[in-house]
Each structure stands twice: as C-alpha cells, then as structure tokens.
Protein backbone atom coordinates (compact mmCIF):
# COMPACT_ATOMS: atom_id res chain seq x y z
CA MET A 1 -40.68 0.78 23.75
CA ALA A 2 -41.26 3.48 26.08
CA ASP A 3 -39.16 5.84 24.02
CA LEU A 4 -41.48 5.38 21.01
CA SER A 5 -44.52 5.87 23.13
CA ASP A 6 -43.02 9.09 24.58
CA ARG A 7 -42.31 10.41 21.07
CA ASN A 8 -45.73 9.59 20.01
CA THR A 9 -47.14 11.42 23.02
CA GLU A 10 -45.06 14.47 22.27
CA GLN A 11 -45.85 14.55 18.72
CA SER A 12 -49.57 14.25 19.55
CA VAL A 13 -49.23 17.22 22.07
CA ILE A 14 -47.46 19.35 19.37
CA SER A 15 -50.25 18.54 16.84
CA VAL A 16 -53.16 19.33 19.22
CA LYS A 17 -51.48 22.63 20.11
CA LYS A 18 -50.83 23.46 16.21
CA VAL A 19 -54.52 22.45 15.49
CA THR A 20 -55.67 24.66 18.43
CA TRP A 21 -53.80 27.72 17.14
CA VAL A 22 -55.17 26.98 13.65
CA TRP A 23 -58.66 26.86 15.15
CA PHE A 24 -58.11 30.12 17.16
CA PHE A 25 -57.03 31.90 13.85
CA LEU A 26 -60.05 30.49 12.16
CA VAL A 27 -62.35 31.99 14.84
CA LEU A 28 -60.58 35.37 14.89
CA ALA A 29 -60.60 35.50 11.03
CA THR A 30 -64.39 34.85 11.05
CA LEU A 31 -64.99 37.38 13.61
CA LEU A 32 -62.91 40.00 11.64
CA ALA A 33 -64.80 39.20 8.42
CA ALA A 34 -68.09 39.54 10.16
CA VAL A 35 -66.99 43.11 11.47
CA ILE A 36 -65.80 44.14 8.14
CA GLY A 37 -68.89 42.82 6.42
CA SER A 38 -71.29 44.34 8.85
CA ALA A 39 -69.71 47.81 8.43
CA GLY A 40 -71.78 49.70 5.93
CA HIS A 41 -68.75 51.60 4.62
CA ALA A 42 -66.48 48.55 3.81
CA GLY A 43 -66.82 48.84 0.11
CA MET A 44 -64.68 47.02 -2.58
CA LEU A 45 -61.62 46.90 -0.05
CA GLY A 46 -63.68 45.33 2.64
CA ALA A 47 -64.95 42.73 0.02
CA VAL A 48 -61.46 41.93 -0.98
CA VAL A 49 -60.15 41.66 2.55
CA THR A 50 -63.12 39.52 3.47
CA LEU A 51 -62.54 37.21 0.46
CA GLY A 52 -58.83 37.01 1.27
CA LEU A 53 -59.75 35.76 4.84
CA LEU A 54 -62.02 33.23 3.25
CA ILE A 55 -59.32 31.86 1.05
CA ALA A 56 -56.91 31.78 3.85
CA LYS A 57 -59.38 30.01 6.05
CA SER A 58 -60.38 27.50 3.49
CA GLN A 59 -56.65 26.62 2.91
CA LEU A 60 -56.19 26.05 6.58
CA VAL A 61 -59.17 23.81 6.81
CA VAL A 62 -57.93 21.83 3.81
CA ASP A 63 -54.47 21.37 5.17
CA HIS A 64 -55.13 21.01 8.82
CA PHE A 65 -58.56 19.59 9.45
CA MET A 66 -58.98 17.61 6.24
CA GLU A 67 -55.23 16.64 6.44
CA LEU A 68 -54.70 17.02 2.70
CA ARG A 69 -51.25 18.65 3.05
CA HIS A 70 -49.70 15.26 2.64
CA VAL A 71 -51.59 14.02 -0.42
CA ASP A 72 -50.74 14.39 -4.11
CA TRP A 73 -50.53 17.97 -5.22
CA HIS A 74 -53.44 17.72 -7.60
CA TRP A 75 -55.93 17.08 -4.86
CA ARG A 76 -54.80 20.23 -2.75
CA LEU A 77 -54.77 22.20 -6.03
CA LEU A 78 -58.30 21.22 -6.70
CA LEU A 79 -59.63 22.20 -3.35
CA SER A 80 -57.62 25.45 -3.20
CA ALA A 81 -58.76 26.42 -6.69
CA TYR A 82 -62.34 25.80 -5.65
CA SER A 83 -62.08 28.52 -2.87
CA VAL A 84 -60.32 31.04 -5.18
CA VAL A 85 -62.79 30.48 -7.94
CA ILE A 86 -65.76 30.67 -5.76
CA GLY A 87 -64.23 33.79 -3.97
CA GLY A 88 -63.50 35.39 -7.32
CA LEU A 89 -67.07 34.83 -8.49
CA VAL A 90 -68.38 36.34 -5.43
CA LEU A 91 -66.12 39.39 -5.90
CA LEU A 92 -67.24 39.63 -9.57
CA ALA A 93 -70.86 39.54 -8.49
CA TYR A 94 -70.23 42.23 -5.85
CA TRP A 95 -68.28 44.37 -8.44
CA MET A 96 -71.17 44.00 -10.99
CA SER A 97 -73.71 45.03 -8.31
CA ILE A 98 -72.00 48.28 -7.34
CA SER A 99 -71.20 49.24 -10.92
CA ALA A 100 -74.84 48.89 -12.21
C-alpha cells in the first residue's frame, strides 16, 4: 500500500513540475508576443510570429490545463482547429488592412 502511495506522490510531483514549466512557457510566450506586437516595425513577420505563439499557447492550454490530450482525437482536433482558424482570420484581416 505504501508503494502505491509513493508512486502516486512521485507522479503528482512530476505532473506539477511539468505543468509549472508549461505555465512558465505560456508567460514567456505572452511577454514575447506583447513585445513583438508593441514594436511599431513588426510588420507581417511579427504578425505571423505572434499568431504562431497564439496557436502554440492554445494547444498547450488544451493539452495540459484542459487535459484533453487523452480524449478522442476529434475533440482535440476541434479545439486545435479553432485556434488555427481564428489565427488565420486575424492574419487575413491584418493582411487586408495593410494592402488596402
């Protein structure tokens, strides 16, 4: 019985460490996106990098904080596609605004 409790405790510590690193990456990615977005000369490359960070961050939230990495593939695909579609629409709107 003690062995099972020790294993569960070790798994919980590993899980907390992993989620903490994911959270740390999310904070850094958010700060990086804010710096890129606030730069007046970021342009299309800055928009693409910022949207790439958005998609990576949303996938991490789906996988680690919503814990959908163990569900059926169609649920993960739905939420992953959502961030890609929204990001693509934002990029399209940005591109249309600078080409007009």
